[in-house]
Amino acid sequence: MIKYFILFAIAGICTYIGWGFSSYYTNRSKFFKSIELLFDKLKTEIRFSQGKLIEILNDFQSHSQDAQTLIKNFIDCLNFDKDICPENLFENIKILNEDEKNVLAIFFKTLGKFDAFNQTNQLANQQVQLAQFFTKAEEDAKKYGTLYIKLGIIAGLVIVLVFA
């Protein structure tokens, strides 16, 4: 009886580990979609309402915890006169690679430094690059997201079969 409980727990743990690997890819996809929505909001706000940058960012609600963390880190840099560098911007964000960090760091360094027309042009230009990141993240999520869950389930079942 205990043996079956332990085997069932092992199968569950393997599935959970697979789900953990899978969530990395889905979180990346959510992150880039949220940042894309942020860019759209910034373009609209800069063009029409011309509100303060910190207020615009504080009003933005994201479905991605990492995007919320990035926005919070940027606002902290502005409020506390910290350097807008990758170390400060991407603190507690582990889902981005160096190229993605560099592109986003350049964007945040220049955010609010241009007039409305040039800022919206810059947003449009960087949104193209961001769309490429989102497309790749979406493809990876489709490809690897379910794969890791299935591998976790299969690994758990193999362990159960070996020890049953």
N, C-alpha and C. Protein backbone atom coordinates (compact mmCIF):
# COMPACT_ATOMS: atom_id res chain seq x y z
N MET A 1 0.82 -1.19 0.00
CA MET A 1 0.00 0.00 0.00
C MET A 1 0.87 1.26 0.00
N ILE A 2 1.84 1.28 0.89
CA ILE A 2 2.74 2.43 0.96
C ILE A 2 3.56 2.52 -0.32
N LYS A 3 3.92 1.37 -0.84
CA LYS A 3 4.71 1.34 -2.07
C LYS A 3 3.95 2.07 -3.20
N TYR A 4 2.65 1.82 -3.32
CA TYR A 4 1.87 2.45 -4.38
C TYR A 4 1.70 3.94 -4.13
N PHE A 5 1.59 4.31 -2.89
CA PHE A 5 1.50 5.74 -2.56
C PHE A 5 2.79 6.45 -2.95
N ILE A 6 3.92 5.84 -2.65
CA ILE A 6 5.22 6.44 -2.99
C ILE A 6 5.38 6.51 -4.51
N LEU A 7 4.99 5.46 -5.21
CA LEU A 7 5.09 5.47 -6.67
C LEU A 7 4.18 6.54 -7.27
N PHE A 8 2.99 6.67 -6.73
CA PHE A 8 2.06 7.71 -7.19
C PHE A 8 2.65 9.10 -6.93
N ALA A 9 3.28 9.29 -5.78
CA ALA A 9 3.91 10.57 -5.45
C ALA A 9 5.07 10.86 -6.40
N ILE A 10 5.86 9.85 -6.73
CA ILE A 10 6.98 10.03 -7.66
C ILE A 10 6.46 10.44 -9.03
N ALA A 11 5.38 9.79 -9.50
CA ALA A 11 4.79 10.14 -10.78
C ALA A 11 4.30 11.59 -10.75
N GLY A 12 3.69 11.99 -9.65
CA GLY A 12 3.22 13.37 -9.50
C GLY A 12 4.38 14.37 -9.49
N ILE A 13 5.44 14.02 -8.81
CA ILE A 13 6.62 14.90 -8.75
C ILE A 13 7.23 15.06 -10.13
N CYS A 14 7.34 13.98 -10.87
CA CYS A 14 7.90 14.06 -12.23
C CYS A 14 7.03 14.94 -13.12
N THR A 15 5.72 14.81 -13.00
CA THR A 15 4.81 15.66 -13.78
C THR A 15 4.97 17.12 -13.37
N TYR A 16 5.10 17.36 -12.09
CA TYR A 16 5.28 18.73 -11.59
C TYR A 16 6.59 19.33 -12.11
N ILE A 17 7.64 18.56 -12.15
CA ILE A 17 8.92 19.04 -12.68
C ILE A 17 8.78 19.38 -14.16
N GLY A 18 8.09 18.52 -14.91
CA GLY A 18 7.84 18.80 -16.32
C GLY A 18 7.03 20.07 -16.49
N TRP A 19 6.04 20.26 -15.64
CA TRP A 19 5.23 21.48 -15.67
C TRP A 19 6.09 22.71 -15.36
N GLY A 20 7.03 22.56 -14.45
CA GLY A 20 7.93 23.67 -14.10
C GLY A 20 8.77 24.11 -15.29
N PHE A 21 9.33 23.14 -16.01
CA PHE A 21 10.10 23.46 -17.22
C PHE A 21 9.19 24.10 -18.27
N SER A 22 7.99 23.61 -18.38
CA SER A 22 7.03 24.13 -19.35
C SER A 22 6.65 25.58 -19.04
N SER A 23 6.52 25.89 -17.77
CA SER A 23 6.10 27.24 -17.38
C SER A 23 7.12 28.30 -17.78
N TYR A 24 8.38 27.94 -17.87
CA TYR A 24 9.41 28.88 -18.33
C TYR A 24 9.03 29.44 -19.70
N TYR A 25 8.63 28.55 -20.60
CA TYR A 25 8.30 28.97 -21.97
C TYR A 25 6.99 29.74 -22.03
N THR A 26 6.02 29.33 -21.27
CA THR A 26 4.75 30.07 -21.27
C THR A 26 4.92 31.44 -20.61
N ASN A 27 5.77 31.52 -19.60
CA ASN A 27 6.03 32.82 -18.96
C ASN A 27 6.73 33.78 -19.91
N ARG A 28 7.64 33.26 -20.73
CA ARG A 28 8.31 34.12 -21.72
C ARG A 28 7.30 34.66 -22.73
N SER A 29 6.42 33.82 -23.17
CA SER A 29 5.40 34.23 -24.13
C SER A 29 4.49 35.31 -23.52
N LYS A 30 4.05 35.09 -22.29
CA LYS A 30 3.21 36.08 -21.60
C LYS A 30 3.96 37.39 -21.40
N PHE A 31 5.25 37.29 -21.07
CA PHE A 31 6.06 38.48 -20.84
C PHE A 31 6.11 39.35 -22.09
N PHE A 32 6.45 38.74 -23.22
CA PHE A 32 6.60 39.53 -24.44
C PHE A 32 5.25 40.07 -24.93
N LYS A 33 4.18 39.33 -24.71
CA LYS A 33 2.86 39.84 -25.07
C LYS A 33 2.52 41.04 -24.20
N SER A 34 2.84 40.97 -22.92
CA SER A 34 2.57 42.09 -22.01
C SER A 34 3.40 43.32 -22.38
N ILE A 35 4.65 43.10 -22.73
CA ILE A 35 5.51 44.23 -23.11
C ILE A 35 5.00 44.83 -24.42
N GLU A 36 4.52 44.00 -25.33
CA GLU A 36 3.94 44.51 -26.57
C GLU A 36 2.71 45.38 -26.28
N LEU A 37 1.88 44.94 -25.34
CA LEU A 37 0.72 45.73 -24.93
C LEU A 37 1.15 47.03 -24.25
N LEU A 38 2.23 46.97 -23.48
CA LEU A 38 2.76 48.18 -22.86
C LEU A 38 3.21 49.18 -23.92
N PHE A 39 3.89 48.70 -24.95
CA PHE A 39 4.33 49.58 -26.04
C PHE A 39 3.12 50.25 -26.69
N ASP A 40 2.06 49.48 -26.94
CA ASP A 40 0.85 50.05 -27.53
C ASP A 40 0.26 51.13 -26.63
N LYS A 41 0.21 50.84 -25.34
CA LYS A 41 -0.33 51.81 -24.39
C LYS A 41 0.53 53.08 -24.36
N LEU A 42 1.84 52.89 -24.35
CA LEU A 42 2.74 54.04 -24.33
C LEU A 42 2.57 54.90 -25.59
N LYS A 43 2.47 54.26 -26.75
CA LYS A 43 2.28 55.02 -27.99
C LYS A 43 0.99 55.84 -27.93
N THR A 44 -0.08 55.22 -27.48
CA THR A 44 -1.35 55.91 -27.39
C THR A 44 -1.30 57.06 -26.39
N GLU A 45 -0.77 56.78 -25.23
CA GLU A 45 -0.71 57.81 -24.18
C GLU A 45 0.21 58.97 -24.58
N ILE A 46 1.32 58.67 -25.20
CA ILE A 46 2.26 59.72 -25.60
C ILE A 46 1.65 60.59 -26.69
N ARG A 47 0.96 59.96 -27.63
CA ARG A 47 0.35 60.71 -28.72
C ARG A 47 -0.80 61.59 -28.26
N PHE A 48 -1.67 61.05 -27.43
CA PHE A 48 -2.92 61.74 -27.16
C PHE A 48 -3.02 62.37 -25.79
N SER A 49 -2.75 61.63 -24.74
CA SER A 49 -2.96 62.23 -23.41
C SER A 49 -1.73 62.95 -22.87
N GLN A 50 -0.57 62.50 -23.29
CA GLN A 50 0.70 63.07 -22.85
C GLN A 50 0.79 63.16 -21.33
N GLY A 51 0.36 62.07 -20.68
CA GLY A 51 0.46 61.98 -19.22
C GLY A 51 1.89 61.74 -18.79
N LYS A 52 2.09 61.78 -17.49
CA LYS A 52 3.43 61.54 -16.95
C LYS A 52 3.77 60.06 -17.09
N LEU A 53 5.03 59.81 -17.39
CA LEU A 53 5.51 58.46 -17.66
C LEU A 53 5.25 57.52 -16.49
N ILE A 54 5.55 57.94 -15.29
CA ILE A 54 5.37 57.08 -14.12
C ILE A 54 3.90 56.75 -13.92
N GLU A 55 3.01 57.71 -14.16
CA GLU A 55 1.58 57.44 -14.02
C GLU A 55 1.11 56.44 -15.07
N ILE A 56 1.61 56.59 -16.30
CA ILE A 56 1.24 55.65 -17.37
C ILE A 56 1.68 54.25 -17.00
N LEU A 57 2.90 54.12 -16.51
CA LEU A 57 3.42 52.80 -16.16
C LEU A 57 2.71 52.22 -14.94
N ASN A 58 2.38 53.05 -13.97
CA ASN A 58 1.65 52.56 -12.80
C ASN A 58 0.25 52.09 -13.15
N ASP A 59 -0.36 52.71 -14.15
CA ASP A 59 -1.72 52.32 -14.55
C ASP A 59 -1.74 51.04 -15.37
N PHE A 60 -0.62 50.64 -15.91
CA PHE A 60 -0.58 49.45 -16.78
C PHE A 60 -0.68 48.19 -15.94
N GLN A 61 -1.64 47.34 -16.28
CA GLN A 61 -1.81 46.06 -15.61
C GLN A 61 -1.40 44.94 -16.57
N SER A 62 -0.57 44.05 -16.09
CA SER A 62 -0.03 42.99 -16.93
C SER A 62 -0.45 41.63 -16.38
N HIS A 63 -0.56 40.65 -17.28
CA HIS A 63 -0.83 39.28 -16.88
C HIS A 63 0.47 38.54 -16.57
N SER A 64 1.59 39.18 -16.84
CA SER A 64 2.89 38.57 -16.61
C SER A 64 3.53 39.18 -15.36
N GLN A 65 3.87 38.31 -14.42
CA GLN A 65 4.53 38.77 -13.20
C GLN A 65 5.89 39.37 -13.53
N ASP A 66 6.59 38.80 -14.49
CA ASP A 66 7.91 39.32 -14.86
C ASP A 66 7.81 40.70 -15.50
N ALA A 67 6.77 40.95 -16.29
CA ALA A 67 6.57 42.27 -16.89
C ALA A 67 6.27 43.29 -15.79
N GLN A 68 5.45 42.90 -14.81
CA GLN A 68 5.16 43.80 -13.69
C GLN A 68 6.44 44.11 -12.91
N THR A 69 7.29 43.11 -12.74
CA THR A 69 8.55 43.31 -12.03
C THR A 69 9.45 44.26 -12.81
N LEU A 70 9.51 44.10 -14.12
CA LEU A 70 10.33 44.99 -14.96
C LEU A 70 9.84 46.43 -14.85
N ILE A 71 8.55 46.63 -14.92
CA ILE A 71 7.99 47.98 -14.82
C ILE A 71 8.27 48.56 -13.43
N LYS A 72 8.10 47.75 -12.40
CA LYS A 72 8.38 48.21 -11.03
C LYS A 72 9.86 48.59 -10.89
N ASN A 73 10.75 47.76 -11.44
CA ASN A 73 12.18 48.05 -11.37
C ASN A 73 12.51 49.36 -12.10
N PHE A 74 11.88 49.58 -13.25
CA PHE A 74 12.12 50.82 -14.00
C PHE A 74 11.62 52.03 -13.21
N ILE A 75 10.44 51.92 -12.63
CA ILE A 75 9.89 53.02 -11.83
C ILE A 75 10.79 53.29 -10.63
N ASP A 76 11.30 52.23 -10.01
CA ASP A 76 12.24 52.42 -8.89
C ASP A 76 13.50 53.14 -9.35
N CYS A 77 13.99 52.81 -10.54
CA CYS A 77 15.17 53.51 -11.07
C CYS A 77 14.87 55.00 -11.23
N LEU A 78 13.69 55.32 -11.72
CA LEU A 78 13.33 56.73 -11.91
C LEU A 78 13.14 57.43 -10.57
N ASN A 79 12.44 56.80 -9.65
CA ASN A 79 12.12 57.43 -8.36
C ASN A 79 13.34 57.60 -7.46
N PHE A 80 14.25 56.65 -7.51
CA PHE A 80 15.38 56.68 -6.59
C PHE A 80 16.70 57.04 -7.28
N ASP A 81 16.62 57.60 -8.48
CA ASP A 81 17.78 58.03 -9.25
C ASP A 81 18.85 56.94 -9.39
N LYS A 82 18.38 55.73 -9.60
CA LYS A 82 19.30 54.63 -9.88
C LYS A 82 19.65 54.64 -11.35
N ASP A 83 20.79 54.06 -11.68
CA ASP A 83 21.19 53.93 -13.07
C ASP A 83 20.26 52.94 -13.77
N ILE A 84 19.81 53.30 -14.97
CA ILE A 84 18.95 52.41 -15.74
C ILE A 84 19.87 51.46 -16.52
N CYS A 85 20.25 50.39 -15.84
CA CYS A 85 21.15 49.40 -16.43
C CYS A 85 20.50 48.02 -16.30
N PRO A 86 20.99 47.06 -17.07
CA PRO A 86 20.38 45.72 -17.00
C PRO A 86 20.34 45.12 -15.59
N GLU A 87 21.35 45.38 -14.78
CA GLU A 87 21.37 44.81 -13.43
C GLU A 87 20.19 45.32 -12.61
N ASN A 88 19.87 46.60 -12.74
CA ASN A 88 18.75 47.18 -11.98
C ASN A 88 17.40 46.85 -12.62
N LEU A 89 17.35 46.92 -13.94
CA LEU A 89 16.07 46.69 -14.63
C LEU A 89 15.60 45.25 -14.51
N PHE A 90 16.51 44.30 -14.62
CA PHE A 90 16.12 42.90 -14.72
C PHE A 90 16.37 42.12 -13.43
N GLU A 91 16.42 42.84 -12.33
CA GLU A 91 16.56 42.19 -11.04
C GLU A 91 15.33 41.31 -10.79
N ASN A 92 15.55 40.08 -10.43
CA ASN A 92 14.50 39.08 -10.16
C ASN A 92 13.75 38.63 -11.42
N ILE A 93 14.33 38.85 -12.59
CA ILE A 93 13.73 38.36 -13.83
C ILE A 93 14.74 37.40 -14.45
N LYS A 94 14.34 36.15 -14.59
CA LYS A 94 15.28 35.12 -15.03
C LYS A 94 14.92 34.51 -16.38
N ILE A 95 13.89 35.02 -17.05
CA ILE A 95 13.41 34.36 -18.26
C ILE A 95 13.97 34.96 -19.54
N LEU A 96 14.79 36.00 -19.44
CA LEU A 96 15.29 36.68 -20.64
C LEU A 96 16.74 36.32 -20.91
N ASN A 97 17.09 36.28 -22.19
CA ASN A 97 18.49 36.08 -22.55
C ASN A 97 19.16 37.45 -22.71
N GLU A 98 20.44 37.46 -22.96
CA GLU A 98 21.21 38.72 -22.99
C GLU A 98 20.77 39.66 -24.11
N ASP A 99 20.48 39.13 -25.30
CA ASP A 99 20.04 39.98 -26.41
C ASP A 99 18.73 40.69 -26.06
N GLU A 100 17.81 39.94 -25.49
CA GLU A 100 16.52 40.52 -25.11
C GLU A 100 16.70 41.59 -24.03
N LYS A 101 17.57 41.29 -23.07
CA LYS A 101 17.84 42.27 -22.02
C LYS A 101 18.45 43.54 -22.61
N ASN A 102 19.38 43.40 -23.54
CA ASN A 102 20.02 44.57 -24.14
C ASN A 102 19.02 45.44 -24.90
N VAL A 103 18.15 44.81 -25.68
CA VAL A 103 17.15 45.57 -26.45
C VAL A 103 16.21 46.31 -25.51
N LEU A 104 15.73 45.62 -24.48
CA LEU A 104 14.82 46.27 -23.54
C LEU A 104 15.53 47.34 -22.71
N ALA A 105 16.78 47.11 -22.36
CA ALA A 105 17.54 48.11 -21.59
C ALA A 105 17.73 49.38 -22.41
N ILE A 106 18.05 49.24 -23.67
CA ILE A 106 18.19 50.42 -24.54
C ILE A 106 16.87 51.17 -24.62
N PHE A 107 15.78 50.42 -24.77
CA PHE A 107 14.48 51.07 -24.83
C PHE A 107 14.20 51.86 -23.56
N PHE A 108 14.37 51.23 -22.41
CA PHE A 108 14.04 51.91 -21.15
C PHE A 108 14.99 53.06 -20.86
N LYS A 109 16.24 52.97 -21.31
CA LYS A 109 17.18 54.09 -21.12
C LYS A 109 16.73 55.33 -21.89
N THR A 110 16.12 55.12 -23.06
CA THR A 110 15.72 56.25 -23.90
C THR A 110 14.27 56.66 -23.69
N LEU A 111 13.51 55.90 -22.92
CA LEU A 111 12.10 56.21 -22.70
C LEU A 111 11.97 57.53 -21.94
N GLY A 112 11.22 58.44 -22.53
CA GLY A 112 11.00 59.75 -21.92
C GLY A 112 12.06 60.78 -22.27
N LYS A 113 13.01 60.42 -23.11
CA LYS A 113 14.09 61.35 -23.45
C LYS A 113 13.83 62.12 -24.75
N PHE A 114 12.80 61.72 -25.50
CA PHE A 114 12.50 62.36 -26.78
C PHE A 114 11.18 63.12 -26.70
N ASP A 115 10.96 63.96 -27.73
CA ASP A 115 9.65 64.59 -27.85
C ASP A 115 8.64 63.52 -28.27
N ALA A 116 7.35 63.87 -28.22
CA ALA A 116 6.28 62.89 -28.45
C ALA A 116 6.40 62.21 -29.82
N PHE A 117 6.68 62.97 -30.86
CA PHE A 117 6.75 62.40 -32.21
C PHE A 117 7.88 61.38 -32.32
N ASN A 118 9.08 61.79 -31.89
CA ASN A 118 10.24 60.89 -31.97
C ASN A 118 10.10 59.69 -31.03
N GLN A 119 9.47 59.91 -29.87
CA GLN A 119 9.29 58.80 -28.94
C GLN A 119 8.35 57.74 -29.53
N THR A 120 7.28 58.17 -30.18
CA THR A 120 6.36 57.20 -30.79
C THR A 120 7.02 56.49 -31.97
N ASN A 121 7.87 57.18 -32.71
CA ASN A 121 8.62 56.52 -33.79
C ASN A 121 9.57 55.48 -33.24
N GLN A 122 10.24 55.83 -32.15
CA GLN A 122 11.15 54.88 -31.52
C GLN A 122 10.39 53.67 -31.01
N LEU A 123 9.23 53.90 -30.41
CA LEU A 123 8.41 52.80 -29.93
C LEU A 123 8.00 51.88 -31.08
N ALA A 124 7.61 52.47 -32.20
CA ALA A 124 7.21 51.67 -33.36
C ALA A 124 8.38 50.84 -33.88
N ASN A 125 9.57 51.44 -33.93
CA ASN A 125 10.75 50.72 -34.41
C ASN A 125 11.11 49.57 -33.47
N GLN A 126 11.07 49.82 -32.19
CA GLN A 126 11.45 48.77 -31.25
C GLN A 126 10.35 47.72 -31.11
N GLN A 127 9.12 48.10 -31.45
CA GLN A 127 8.04 47.14 -31.39
C GLN A 127 8.22 46.05 -32.45
N VAL A 128 8.85 46.38 -33.56
CA VAL A 128 9.15 45.38 -34.59
C VAL A 128 10.11 44.34 -34.03
N GLN A 129 11.14 44.79 -33.36
CA GLN A 129 12.10 43.88 -32.75
C GLN A 129 11.44 43.05 -31.65
N LEU A 130 10.59 43.69 -30.88
CA LEU A 130 9.88 43.00 -29.81
C LEU A 130 8.94 41.94 -30.37
N ALA A 131 8.32 42.23 -31.51
CA ALA A 131 7.43 41.26 -32.15
C ALA A 131 8.20 40.00 -32.54
N GLN A 132 9.45 40.16 -32.95
CA GLN A 132 10.27 38.99 -33.28
C GLN A 132 10.53 38.15 -32.03
N PHE A 133 10.82 38.81 -30.91
CA PHE A 133 11.02 38.09 -29.66
C PHE A 133 9.74 37.35 -29.26
N PHE A 134 8.60 38.02 -29.41
CA PHE A 134 7.33 37.41 -29.05
C PHE A 134 7.03 36.20 -29.93
N THR A 135 7.28 36.34 -31.23
CA THR A 135 7.03 35.23 -32.16
C THR A 135 7.87 34.01 -31.79
N LYS A 136 9.15 34.25 -31.49
CA LYS A 136 10.02 33.14 -31.11
C LYS A 136 9.57 32.53 -29.78
N ALA A 137 9.21 33.36 -28.83
CA ALA A 137 8.76 32.85 -27.53
C ALA A 137 7.46 32.05 -27.69
N GLU A 138 6.58 32.52 -28.55
CA GLU A 138 5.32 31.82 -28.80
C GLU A 138 5.58 30.46 -29.46
N GLU A 139 6.49 30.43 -30.42
CA GLU A 139 6.85 29.17 -31.08
C GLU A 139 7.46 28.19 -30.08
N ASP A 140 8.36 28.70 -29.24
CA ASP A 140 9.00 27.85 -28.23
C ASP A 140 7.97 27.33 -27.23
N ALA A 141 7.02 28.17 -26.85
CA ALA A 141 5.99 27.74 -25.90
C ALA A 141 5.14 26.64 -26.50
N LYS A 142 4.81 26.77 -27.78
CA LYS A 142 4.02 25.72 -28.43
C LYS A 142 4.82 24.44 -28.57
N LYS A 143 6.10 24.59 -28.91
CA LYS A 143 6.94 23.43 -29.16
C LYS A 143 7.34 22.73 -27.87
N TYR A 144 7.86 23.49 -26.92
CA TYR A 144 8.44 22.89 -25.72
C TYR A 144 7.49 22.86 -24.53
N GLY A 145 6.50 23.74 -24.52
CA GLY A 145 5.60 23.82 -23.37
C GLY A 145 4.92 22.50 -23.06
N THR A 146 4.25 21.94 -24.03
CA THR A 146 3.57 20.66 -23.80
C THR A 146 4.56 19.50 -23.79
N LEU A 147 5.67 19.65 -24.50
CA LEU A 147 6.67 18.59 -24.55
C LEU A 147 7.17 18.25 -23.15
N TYR A 148 7.52 19.27 -22.37
CA TYR A 148 8.07 19.02 -21.04
C TYR A 148 7.04 18.42 -20.11
N ILE A 149 5.79 18.83 -20.24
CA ILE A 149 4.74 18.22 -19.41
C ILE A 149 4.61 16.74 -19.76
N LYS A 150 4.57 16.46 -21.05
CA LYS A 150 4.45 15.05 -21.48
C LYS A 150 5.66 14.24 -21.05
N LEU A 151 6.85 14.82 -21.17
CA LEU A 151 8.05 14.10 -20.73
C LEU A 151 8.01 13.82 -19.23
N GLY A 152 7.51 14.78 -18.46
CA GLY A 152 7.38 14.57 -17.02
C GLY A 152 6.42 13.44 -16.70
N ILE A 153 5.29 13.41 -17.41
CA ILE A 153 4.31 12.34 -17.20
C ILE A 153 4.91 11.00 -17.59
N ILE A 154 5.57 10.96 -18.74
CA ILE A 154 6.17 9.70 -19.22
C ILE A 154 7.26 9.23 -18.27
N ALA A 155 8.11 10.15 -17.81
CA ALA A 155 9.18 9.77 -16.88
C ALA A 155 8.57 9.22 -15.59
N GLY A 156 7.52 9.85 -15.10
CA GLY A 156 6.86 9.35 -13.90
C GLY A 156 6.27 7.97 -14.11
N LEU A 157 5.63 7.76 -15.25
CA LEU A 157 5.05 6.45 -15.54
C LEU A 157 6.13 5.38 -15.71
N VAL A 158 7.23 5.72 -16.33
CA VAL A 158 8.33 4.76 -16.50
C VAL A 158 8.88 4.36 -15.12
N ILE A 159 9.05 5.32 -14.26
CA ILE A 159 9.55 5.02 -12.90
C ILE A 159 8.56 4.11 -12.18
N VAL A 160 7.27 4.43 -12.32
CA VAL A 160 6.24 3.59 -11.67
C VAL A 160 6.29 2.17 -12.23
N LEU A 161 6.41 2.05 -13.55
CA LEU A 161 6.45 0.70 -14.15
C LEU A 161 7.69 -0.07 -13.74
N VAL A 162 8.81 0.60 -13.63
CA VAL A 162 10.05 -0.06 -13.26
C VAL A 162 9.98 -0.59 -11.82
N PHE A 163 9.41 0.19 -10.93
CA PHE A 163 9.39 -0.19 -9.52
C PHE A 163 8.11 -0.89 -9.08
N ALA A 164 7.13 -0.96 -9.97
CA ALA A 164 5.85 -1.61 -9.57
C ALA A 164 5.96 -3.11 -9.60
